[in-house]
Protein backbone atom coordinates (compact mmCIF):
# COMPACT_ATOMS: atom_id res chain seq x y z
CA UNK A 1 297.03 251.52 118.44
CA UNK A 2 293.36 251.59 117.49
CA UNK A 3 291.52 254.40 119.30
CA UNK A 4 288.31 253.36 117.56
CA UNK A 5 288.07 249.72 116.54
CA UNK A 6 286.49 250.49 113.17
CA UNK A 7 288.04 247.49 111.45
CA UNK A 8 286.09 244.93 113.45
CA UNK A 9 283.84 244.82 110.39
CA UNK A 10 280.57 245.38 112.20
CA UNK A 11 278.16 248.24 111.79
CA UNK A 12 274.66 248.66 113.20
CA UNK A 13 272.52 250.51 110.71
CA UNK A 14 269.70 250.77 113.27
CA UNK A 15 271.80 253.46 114.94
CA UNK A 16 271.53 255.83 111.98
CA UNK A 17 268.50 257.56 110.49
CA UNK A 18 266.66 255.56 107.88
CA UNK A 19 266.64 252.19 109.66
CA UNK A 20 263.35 250.59 110.53
CA UNK A 21 261.62 248.10 112.78
CA UNK A 22 259.00 245.58 111.69
CA UNK A 23 257.12 246.56 108.53
CA UNK A 24 253.36 247.02 108.34
CA UNK A 25 251.71 244.05 106.65
CA UNK A 26 249.47 246.27 104.53
CA UNK A 27 252.56 248.04 103.18
CA UNK A 28 254.14 244.70 102.34
CA UNK A 29 250.98 243.54 100.54
CA UNK A 30 251.21 246.58 98.31
CA UNK A 31 254.87 245.85 97.60
CA UNK A 32 254.13 242.22 96.69
CA UNK A 33 251.71 243.36 93.97
CA UNK A 34 254.54 244.97 92.02
CA UNK A 35 257.61 243.00 93.11
CA UNK A 36 258.15 239.80 91.14
CA UNK A 37 260.96 238.30 93.21
CA UNK A 38 260.98 236.90 96.72
CA UNK A 39 260.49 239.05 99.83
CA UNK A 40 261.88 237.65 103.07
CA UNK A 41 261.35 238.83 106.63
CA UNK A 42 262.90 237.55 109.88
CA UNK A 43 261.43 234.13 110.61
CA UNK A 44 260.62 233.31 106.98
CA UNK A 45 262.08 230.13 105.48
CA UNK A 46 265.25 231.09 103.63
CA UNK A 47 265.74 234.38 105.49
CA UNK A 48 268.81 233.27 107.46
CA UNK A 49 270.43 231.72 104.38
CA UNK A 50 269.80 234.89 102.35
CA UNK A 51 271.30 237.21 104.96
CA UNK A 52 274.53 235.22 105.37
CA UNK A 53 277.57 236.52 103.55
CA UNK A 54 281.01 235.07 102.91
CA UNK A 55 282.68 236.49 106.02
CA UNK A 56 281.15 234.80 109.06
CA UNK A 57 282.21 237.63 111.41
CA UNK A 58 279.36 239.58 109.75
CA UNK A 59 276.01 238.68 111.34
CA UNK A 60 273.36 241.28 110.54
CA UNK A 61 269.58 241.12 110.31
CA UNK A 62 267.74 243.21 107.71
CA UNK A 63 264.09 243.97 108.37
CA UNK A 64 263.40 242.88 104.78
CA UNK A 65 265.34 241.13 102.02
CA UNK A 66 264.20 241.83 98.45
CA UNK A 67 265.53 239.10 96.14
CA UNK A 68 265.37 240.77 92.75
CA UNK A 69 264.74 239.05 89.42
CA UNK A 70 265.60 242.03 87.21
CA UNK A 71 265.95 245.77 86.92
CA UNK A 72 262.22 246.37 87.48
CA UNK A 73 262.47 244.68 90.89
CA UNK A 74 265.52 246.77 91.79
CA UNK A 75 263.66 249.96 90.91
CA UNK A 76 260.63 248.82 92.90
CA UNK A 77 262.71 247.92 95.95
CA UNK A 78 264.67 251.16 95.90
CA UNK A 79 261.55 253.30 95.59
CA UNK A 80 259.93 251.32 98.41
CA UNK A 81 262.94 251.94 100.67
CA UNK A 82 262.71 255.67 100.05
CA UNK A 83 258.96 255.77 100.65
CA UNK A 84 259.33 253.86 103.92
CA UNK A 85 262.48 255.61 105.13
CA UNK A 86 264.54 252.39 105.14
CA UNK A 87 268.31 252.30 104.87
CA UNK A 88 269.48 249.93 102.14
CA UNK A 89 272.37 247.66 101.37
CA UNK A 90 273.04 245.98 98.03
CA UNK A 91 274.17 242.39 97.67
CA UNK A 92 275.79 240.94 94.57
CA UNK A 93 278.03 237.98 95.39
CA UNK A 94 278.31 238.81 99.11
CA UNK A 95 282.02 237.98 98.99
CA UNK A 96 283.65 241.09 100.45
CA UNK A 97 285.54 240.89 103.73
CA UNK A 98 283.72 244.03 104.94
CA UNK A 99 280.29 242.41 104.55
CA UNK A 100 278.63 245.64 103.44
CA UNK A 101 276.09 243.62 101.46
CA UNK A 102 273.91 243.11 104.55
CA UNK A 103 272.74 245.59 107.18
CA UNK A 104 270.83 245.61 110.46
CA UNK A 105 267.29 246.95 110.49
CA UNK A 106 267.04 248.06 106.86
CA UNK A 107 266.29 246.68 103.40
CA UNK A 108 268.80 244.41 101.68
CA UNK A 109 268.42 244.61 97.89
CA UNK A 110 269.64 241.18 96.86
CA UNK A 111 270.79 240.89 93.24
CA UNK A 112 272.03 237.30 93.55
CA UNK A 113 269.05 235.77 91.65
CA UNK A 114 269.99 237.89 88.61
CA UNK A 115 272.16 235.38 86.73
CA UNK A 116 271.77 236.25 83.06
CA UNK A 117 274.91 236.04 80.87
CA UNK A 118 275.10 236.58 77.12
CA UNK A 119 278.35 236.13 75.19
CA UNK A 120 278.88 237.56 71.71
CA UNK A 121 282.05 235.74 70.56
CA UNK A 122 282.28 237.67 67.30
CA UNK A 123 282.24 241.07 68.98
CA UNK A 124 284.13 239.67 72.00
CA UNK A 125 281.63 241.08 74.44
CA UNK A 126 279.76 239.62 77.41
CA UNK A 127 276.66 241.09 79.05
CA UNK A 128 276.51 239.96 82.67
CA UNK A 129 273.81 240.58 85.26
CA UNK A 130 274.90 241.69 88.70
CA UNK A 131 274.11 238.52 90.62
CA UNK A 132 276.67 236.49 88.71
CA UNK A 133 279.81 234.98 90.16
CA UNK A 134 283.04 234.84 88.18
CA UNK A 135 282.80 231.05 87.93
CA UNK A 136 279.55 231.48 86.01
CA UNK A 137 281.05 234.06 83.68
CA UNK A 138 284.18 231.98 83.07
CA UNK A 139 282.09 228.92 82.24
CA UNK A 140 280.22 230.81 79.53
CA UNK A 141 283.12 232.75 78.04
CA UNK A 142 285.59 229.84 78.01
CA UNK A 143 283.24 227.94 75.73
CA UNK A 144 284.56 230.35 73.09
CA UNK A 145 288.17 230.52 74.34
CA UNK A 146 287.52 233.97 75.80
CA UNK A 147 287.69 235.60 79.23
CA UNK A 148 287.96 238.92 80.97
CA UNK A 149 289.77 239.77 84.19
CA UNK A 150 287.98 238.22 87.16
CA UNK A 151 289.07 237.61 90.72
CA UNK A 152 291.45 234.92 91.96
CA UNK A 153 288.56 233.04 93.61
CA UNK A 154 285.79 231.83 91.34
CA UNK A 155 283.04 232.44 93.93
CA UNK A 156 283.72 236.19 93.95
CA UNK A 157 280.82 238.34 92.76
CA UNK A 158 281.18 240.18 89.46
CA UNK A 159 279.58 243.40 90.69
CA UNK A 160 281.62 244.15 93.79
CA UNK A 161 284.92 243.16 92.25
CA UNK A 162 284.40 245.27 89.13
CA UNK A 163 283.11 248.37 90.91
CA UNK A 164 286.15 248.33 93.20
CA UNK A 165 288.64 247.81 90.36
CA UNK A 166 289.10 244.09 89.88
CA UNK A 167 292.46 242.44 90.46
CA UNK A 168 292.94 239.00 88.92
CA UNK A 169 295.31 236.72 87.03
CA UNK A 170 294.61 238.51 83.75
CA UNK A 171 295.11 242.06 85.05
CA UNK A 172 298.77 242.49 84.06
CA UNK A 173 297.93 241.39 80.52
CA UNK A 174 294.44 242.87 80.03
CA UNK A 175 293.92 245.39 82.84
CA UNK A 176 291.60 245.38 85.82
CA UNK A 177 288.01 244.14 85.52
CA UNK A 178 286.85 247.75 85.42
CA UNK A 179 289.30 248.51 82.59
CA UNK A 180 287.36 245.97 80.51
CA UNK A 181 283.97 247.45 81.37
CA UNK A 182 282.32 248.75 78.21
CA UNK A 183 278.93 249.82 79.58
CA UNK A 184 276.78 249.55 82.70
CA UNK A 185 273.03 249.69 83.34
CA UNK A 186 272.53 251.74 86.49
CA UNK A 187 269.60 252.37 88.83
CA UNK A 188 270.18 255.78 90.37
CA UNK A 189 269.47 257.00 93.89
CA UNK A 190 266.40 258.98 92.80
CA UNK A 191 264.78 255.84 91.36
CA UNK A 192 265.82 256.52 87.78
CA UNK A 193 267.68 254.39 85.24
CA UNK A 194 270.63 255.31 83.02
CA UNK A 195 273.23 253.66 80.84
CA UNK A 196 276.83 254.70 81.49
CA UNK A 197 279.53 254.19 78.88
CA UNK A 198 282.17 256.13 76.95
CA UNK A 199 279.49 258.29 75.29
CA UNK A 200 276.64 258.49 77.82
CA UNK A 201 276.87 259.68 81.41
CA UNK A 202 280.63 259.64 81.09
CA UNK A 203 281.26 261.10 84.55
CA UNK A 204 279.29 258.27 86.10
CA UNK A 205 281.11 255.74 83.92
CA UNK A 206 284.40 257.12 85.25
CA UNK A 207 283.24 256.75 88.87
CA UNK A 208 281.85 253.24 88.46
CA UNK A 209 285.31 252.03 87.47
CA UNK A 210 286.83 251.88 90.93
CA UNK A 211 284.50 254.04 93.03
CA UNK A 212 282.64 251.10 94.54
CA UNK A 213 278.87 251.01 94.95
CA UNK A 214 278.61 254.69 95.81
CA UNK A 215 276.81 256.04 92.75
CA UNK A 216 274.04 253.62 91.89
CA UNK A 217 273.00 249.98 91.63
CA UNK A 218 274.50 248.42 88.53
CA UNK A 219 272.10 245.77 87.25
CA UNK A 220 274.12 244.68 84.21
CA UNK A 221 277.72 244.96 83.04
CA UNK A 222 279.06 244.69 79.51
CA UNK A 223 282.66 243.49 79.34
CA UNK A 224 285.34 243.34 76.68
CA UNK A 225 286.64 239.78 76.21
CA UNK A 226 290.06 238.45 75.22
CA UNK A 227 291.49 235.19 73.95
CA UNK A 228 292.56 233.22 77.02
CA UNK A 229 293.50 229.58 77.49
CA UNK A 230 292.01 227.12 77.60
CA UNK A 231 295.37 226.14 79.19
CA UNK A 232 297.55 228.46 81.24
CA UNK A 233 300.87 227.72 82.94
CA UNK A 234 301.00 227.88 86.73
CA UNK A 235 303.76 227.31 89.22
CA UNK A 236 304.21 227.00 92.99
CA UNK A 237 307.72 226.78 94.45
CA UNK A 238 308.01 226.11 98.19
CA UNK A 239 311.08 227.07 100.26
CA UNK A 240 312.28 226.45 103.80
CA UNK A 241 313.07 229.54 105.94
CA UNK A 242 316.83 229.14 105.41
CA UNK A 243 316.35 229.60 101.65
CA UNK A 244 313.72 232.33 101.96
CA UNK A 245 315.91 235.44 101.74
CA UNK A 246 317.73 234.17 98.67
CA UNK A 247 314.45 233.16 97.04
CA UNK A 248 312.77 236.51 97.69
CA UNK A 249 315.74 238.55 96.47
CA UNK A 250 315.71 236.57 93.23
CA UNK A 251 311.91 236.94 93.07
CA UNK A 252 312.25 240.72 93.32
CA UNK A 253 314.74 240.79 90.44
CA UNK A 254 312.66 238.43 88.31
CA UNK A 255 309.40 240.36 88.75
CA UNK A 256 311.03 243.60 87.61
CA UNK A 257 311.58 242.10 84.14
CA UNK A 258 308.60 239.76 83.88
CA UNK A 259 306.39 240.06 80.76
CA UNK A 260 302.81 241.28 81.05
CA UNK A 261 301.55 237.72 80.56
CA UNK A 262 303.04 236.70 83.90
CA UNK A 263 301.69 237.50 87.36
CA UNK A 264 303.86 236.54 90.32
CA UNK A 265 303.13 236.04 94.00
CA UNK A 266 305.16 235.48 97.14
CA UNK A 267 303.52 234.14 100.29
CA UNK A 268 304.55 233.12 103.78
CA UNK A 269 302.47 231.03 106.17
CA UNK A 270 302.73 228.07 108.55
CA UNK A 271 302.58 224.81 106.62
CA UNK A 272 299.90 222.28 107.48
CA UNK A 273 300.28 218.58 106.72
CA UNK A 274 300.11 219.17 103.00
CA UNK A 275 300.90 216.12 100.85
CA UNK A 276 303.24 217.96 98.48
CA UNK A 277 305.47 219.16 101.35
CA UNK A 278 307.96 216.96 103.22
CA UNK A 279 307.15 216.11 106.82
CA UNK A 280 309.98 218.30 108.13
CA UNK A 281 308.13 221.37 106.80
CA UNK A 282 304.85 220.66 108.61
CA UNK A 283 304.10 223.19 111.31
CA UNK A 284 306.95 225.46 110.20
CA UNK A 285 306.90 228.72 108.24
CA UNK A 286 307.28 228.21 104.51
CA UNK A 287 307.69 230.66 101.65
CA UNK A 288 305.96 230.06 98.34
CA UNK A 289 306.81 231.78 95.08
CA UNK A 290 304.01 231.44 92.57
CA UNK A 291 303.31 232.47 89.02
CA UNK A 292 300.59 232.37 86.39
CA UNK A 293 301.46 232.78 82.71
CA UNK A 294 298.43 233.47 80.50
CA UNK A 295 300.14 233.21 77.10
CA UNK A 296 301.54 230.25 75.19
CA UNK A 297 302.43 227.48 77.64
CA UNK A 298 305.82 226.71 76.05
CA UNK A 299 306.72 230.40 76.16
CA UNK A 300 305.72 230.45 79.82
CA UNK A 301 308.03 227.54 80.56
CA UNK A 302 310.94 229.43 78.99
CA UNK A 303 310.11 232.68 80.81
CA UNK A 304 309.70 230.99 84.20
CA UNK A 305 312.91 228.93 83.97
CA UNK A 306 315.13 231.52 85.78
CA UNK A 307 312.65 231.74 88.66
CA UNK A 308 312.69 227.97 89.01
CA UNK A 309 316.48 227.87 89.24
CA UNK A 310 316.99 230.36 92.07
CA UNK A 311 317.25 227.86 94.95
CA UNK A 312 316.41 224.29 95.84
CA UNK A 313 312.73 224.18 96.78
CA UNK A 314 311.07 221.88 99.28
CA UNK A 315 308.58 221.10 96.55
CA UNK A 316 307.68 222.31 93.08
CA UNK A 317 304.27 222.18 91.42
CA UNK A 318 304.52 223.50 87.86
CA UNK A 319 302.43 222.70 84.82
CA UNK A 320 299.58 223.68 82.55
CA UNK A 321 295.99 223.68 83.73
CA UNK A 322 292.64 224.89 82.36
CA UNK A 323 291.95 228.53 83.11
CA UNK A 324 288.67 227.60 84.83
CA UNK A 325 290.55 225.21 87.14
CA UNK A 326 293.05 227.96 88.00
CA UNK A 327 290.18 230.28 88.88
CA UNK A 328 288.68 227.69 91.24
CA UNK A 329 291.95 226.65 92.94
CA UNK A 330 291.34 228.75 96.04
CA UNK A 331 287.65 227.97 96.41
CA UNK A 332 287.93 225.42 99.22
CA UNK A 333 290.05 227.65 101.43
CA UNK A 334 287.87 230.64 100.51
CA UNK A 335 284.56 228.86 101.10
CA UNK A 336 281.64 230.56 102.84
CA UNK A 337 281.06 230.13 106.56
CA UNK A 338 284.49 230.92 108.04
CA UNK A 339 285.55 233.99 109.99
CA UNK A 340 287.94 236.29 108.14
CA UNK A 341 290.02 239.40 108.60
CA UNK A 342 292.17 241.23 106.03
CA UNK A 343 294.58 244.14 106.04
CA UNK A 344 296.04 245.39 102.76
CA UNK A 345 298.40 248.03 101.37
CA UNK A 346 300.37 248.88 98.24
CA UNK A 347 304.15 248.65 98.00
CA UNK A 348 305.93 250.79 95.43
CA UNK A 349 309.20 248.91 95.68
CA UNK A 350 310.61 246.05 97.72
CA UNK A 351 313.72 247.15 99.64
CA UNK A 352 315.70 244.69 101.73
CA UNK A 353 314.11 246.02 104.92
CA UNK A 354 310.66 245.22 103.53
CA UNK A 355 311.78 241.69 102.62
CA UNK A 356 313.14 241.18 106.13
CA UNK A 357 309.89 242.42 107.64
CA UNK A 358 307.87 240.22 105.30
CA UNK A 359 309.82 237.17 106.49
CA UNK A 360 310.51 238.10 110.11
CA UNK A 361 307.41 240.16 110.81
CA UNK A 362 309.52 243.05 112.16
CA UNK A 363 308.15 244.18 115.54
CA UNK A 364 305.57 241.39 115.56
CA UNK A 365 306.44 238.92 118.34
CA UNK A 366 309.18 236.69 116.87
CA UNK A 367 307.92 233.57 118.63
CA UNK A 368 304.28 234.09 117.66
CA UNK A 369 302.95 231.56 115.15
CA UNK A 370 301.61 232.74 111.82
CA UNK A 371 297.85 232.73 112.28
CA UNK A 372 297.17 233.36 108.61
CA UNK A 373 299.09 234.19 105.48
CA UNK A 374 300.79 237.19 103.93
CA UNK A 375 300.91 237.52 100.15
CA UNK A 376 302.64 239.85 97.71
CA UNK A 377 300.85 240.13 94.35
CA UNK A 378 302.80 241.67 91.48
CA UNK A 379 301.07 244.54 89.70
CA UNK A 380 302.16 246.71 86.75
CA UNK A 381 301.81 245.68 83.13
CA UNK A 382 298.48 246.65 81.61
CA UNK A 383 297.31 248.00 84.99
CA UNK A 384 299.87 250.79 84.70
CA UNK A 385 299.21 251.38 81.00
CA UNK A 386 295.89 253.07 81.88
CA UNK A 387 296.21 256.71 82.91
CA UNK A 388 295.98 257.44 86.62
CA UNK A 389 293.05 259.81 86.04
CA UNK A 390 291.25 257.76 83.39
CA UNK A 391 289.23 255.82 85.98
CA UNK A 392 288.45 256.10 89.67
CA UNK A 393 290.99 253.35 90.43
CA UNK A 394 294.14 254.85 91.91
CA UNK A 395 297.76 253.89 92.56
CA UNK A 396 298.17 252.23 89.16
CA UNK A 397 301.95 252.41 89.33
CA UNK A 398 302.27 250.46 92.57
CA UNK A 399 304.56 247.44 92.26
CA UNK A 400 302.81 245.06 94.66
CA UNK A 401 299.67 244.62 96.68
CA UNK A 402 300.50 243.03 100.04
CA UNK A 403 297.64 241.44 101.94
CA UNK A 404 297.64 239.99 105.43
CA UNK A 405 294.73 237.59 105.85
CA UNK A 406 293.56 235.33 108.63
CA UNK A 407 290.82 232.69 108.56
CA UNK A 408 289.40 230.80 111.55
CA UNK A 409 286.20 229.18 112.82
CA UNK A 410 285.76 229.93 116.54
CA UNK A 411 284.46 233.40 117.55
CA UNK A 412 286.51 233.08 120.73
CA UNK A 413 289.63 233.45 118.56
CA UNK A 414 288.56 236.76 116.99
CA UNK A 415 290.87 239.03 118.98
CA UNK A 416 293.88 236.76 118.54
CA UNK A 417 293.56 236.54 114.76
CA UNK A 418 292.62 240.17 114.21
CA UNK A 419 295.42 241.34 116.49
CA UNK A 420 297.98 239.23 114.63
CA UNK A 421 296.87 240.62 111.27
CA UNK A 422 296.96 244.21 112.52
CA UNK A 423 300.48 243.81 113.89
CA UNK A 424 301.84 242.24 110.74
CA UNK A 425 300.15 244.92 108.65
CA UNK A 426 301.60 247.60 110.90
CA UNK A 427 305.08 246.16 110.47
CA UNK A 428 304.79 246.51 106.68
CA UNK A 429 303.19 249.97 106.81
CA UNK A 430 306.45 252.00 106.69
CA UNK A 431 307.07 250.65 103.18
CA UNK A 432 303.58 251.30 101.82
CA UNK A 433 301.40 254.01 100.33
CA UNK A 434 297.73 253.60 99.41
CA UNK A 435 295.37 250.65 99.47
CA UNK A 436 293.10 248.70 97.10
CA UNK A 437 289.46 249.46 97.94
CA UNK A 438 288.33 245.81 97.68
CA UNK A 439 290.91 244.51 100.13
CA UNK A 440 289.92 245.93 103.48
CA UNK A 441 287.02 245.95 105.91
CA UNK A 442 285.25 248.76 107.73
CA UNK A 443 288.24 250.94 108.54
CA UNK A 444 286.80 254.44 108.29
CA UNK A 445 287.01 257.48 106.03
CA UNK A 446 290.75 258.02 106.37
CA UNK A 447 291.42 254.59 104.91
CA UNK A 448 288.99 255.20 102.05
CA UNK A 449 290.76 258.47 101.28
CA UNK A 450 294.04 256.53 101.17
CA UNK A 451 292.56 254.31 98.46
CA UNK A 452 292.19 257.30 96.12
CA UNK A 453 294.50 260.10 97.22
CA UNK A 454 293.26 263.61 98.07
CA UNK A 455 292.66 264.99 94.56
CA UNK A 456 290.76 262.01 93.22
CA UNK A 457 288.83 261.63 96.46
CA UNK A 458 287.49 265.17 96.13
CA UNK A 459 286.45 264.43 92.54
CA UNK A 460 284.57 261.38 93.81
CA UNK A 461 282.89 263.46 96.52
CA UNK A 462 281.61 265.85 93.84
CA UNK A 463 280.37 262.93 91.73
CA UNK A 464 278.64 261.45 94.76
CA UNK A 465 276.96 264.79 95.44
CA UNK A 466 275.61 264.82 91.89
CA UNK A 467 274.30 261.25 91.74
CA UNK A 468 273.53 260.49 95.40
CA UNK A 469 273.24 263.75 97.37
CA UNK A 470 271.29 262.04 100.18
CA UNK A 471 273.88 259.27 100.58
CA UNK A 472 271.31 256.55 99.92
CA UNK A 473 274.13 254.19 98.91
CA UNK A 474 276.13 254.39 102.12
CA UNK A 475 276.55 250.75 103.16
CA UNK A 476 279.80 250.37 101.24
CA UNK A 477 283.27 251.87 101.37
CA UNK A 478 281.40 255.11 101.61
CA UNK A 479 282.31 258.32 99.85
CA UNK A 480 280.04 260.90 101.43
CA UNK A 481 278.56 263.76 99.39
CA UNK A 482 279.57 267.31 100.13
CA UNK A 483 277.18 267.95 103.02
CA UNK A 484 278.64 266.70 106.30
CA UNK A 485 275.11 266.64 107.77
CA UNK A 486 274.15 263.56 105.78
CA UNK A 487 274.12 260.08 107.35
CA UNK A 488 276.95 257.68 106.71
């Protein structure tokens, strides 16, 4: 039951203090003298394109969009917002399901024009501005046979993914994106600028690695790089429902002993008319076991052999591919312009009852069609090698992240798809504890607390109070400072 429908992923910033109406033209003229980038108001060419984000259920209208070209523009825009009493949001890639990058009635600070990338192959470092997407980073780093952990969709923004933690195909081998963060350039809530790393502003550096956009606007990230590819081994094994239990039980056993180079997934959804599946599978539930091996391809073939022998699949797609192609595999399905809803949670083990719920959807109506997909992503490896208190990211010892996701086009179908996802999520909830901050929408403070646990959450509240006591950065998965009187 949802007493308050907070996960509809809408918020109206005009209802809180610090949101504005139309801006005075004289004020804007003054801003244009010092702001080098593009300023867009409602009605301007490009305004509607700039305010759109990945999740089409999010439809908000800022009073002004400041498209920044560098740190100086970010500082100028932030100081302007404070002078004019405007609430702000910050856009990097605009790829989150929550859509916090855009707000109603305030100022959107748009970092997407900031695309600078510099790779130092000798030092194995990359400096990346905050408007970059992971496809752009991968293109530059793979020229040198290097990479760092990015998302599983190449159009994901670097900034949001990293600040929330950063799951990806390399995480079990090399840690989360934030575990590979070496330094960050940060514009602070008071209009200042600092560098955060292992030696400077270390408390802020701790909070940036998993605490989301709560503590400042990061304008540039420096990442540690690793040898990756150019070829990695990938596999997709598809099973009919009658083989599903056997396949998932073997999957569970295999994952427990898998090397850090291998990330495994298990998914269930209703098959479309996909060319690699036989006609008898079309329109029926199918289970897919997947893996990515980021080490030597021949070694990956040996390691994956037991998984490939567990049952007779409907189809098998296994082979090497370039790392950049792997990263872009989900781009078509994850393209901008569709309506989306996610629910996510961590599993610490995978008992038989959880497997049965995963396949049968437990109390979810047995005859109801799957309106989206449900995926288990294996965790552990290098993720768990980092201490639980070393970064703001929590739940490092979880075994799986399970995400229920639905994608559709017609707004008239919103309730049907969201309701299905909520029910499936609720069926899995008895087996879960905690949640990954990047994998849910606007679900309220209790859910944010669940992402960190009580002790770490209180540490983040204290950090927020130090760096953003007025809760300027509140259009995010918001951690409010100590004073309950502040907006947010």
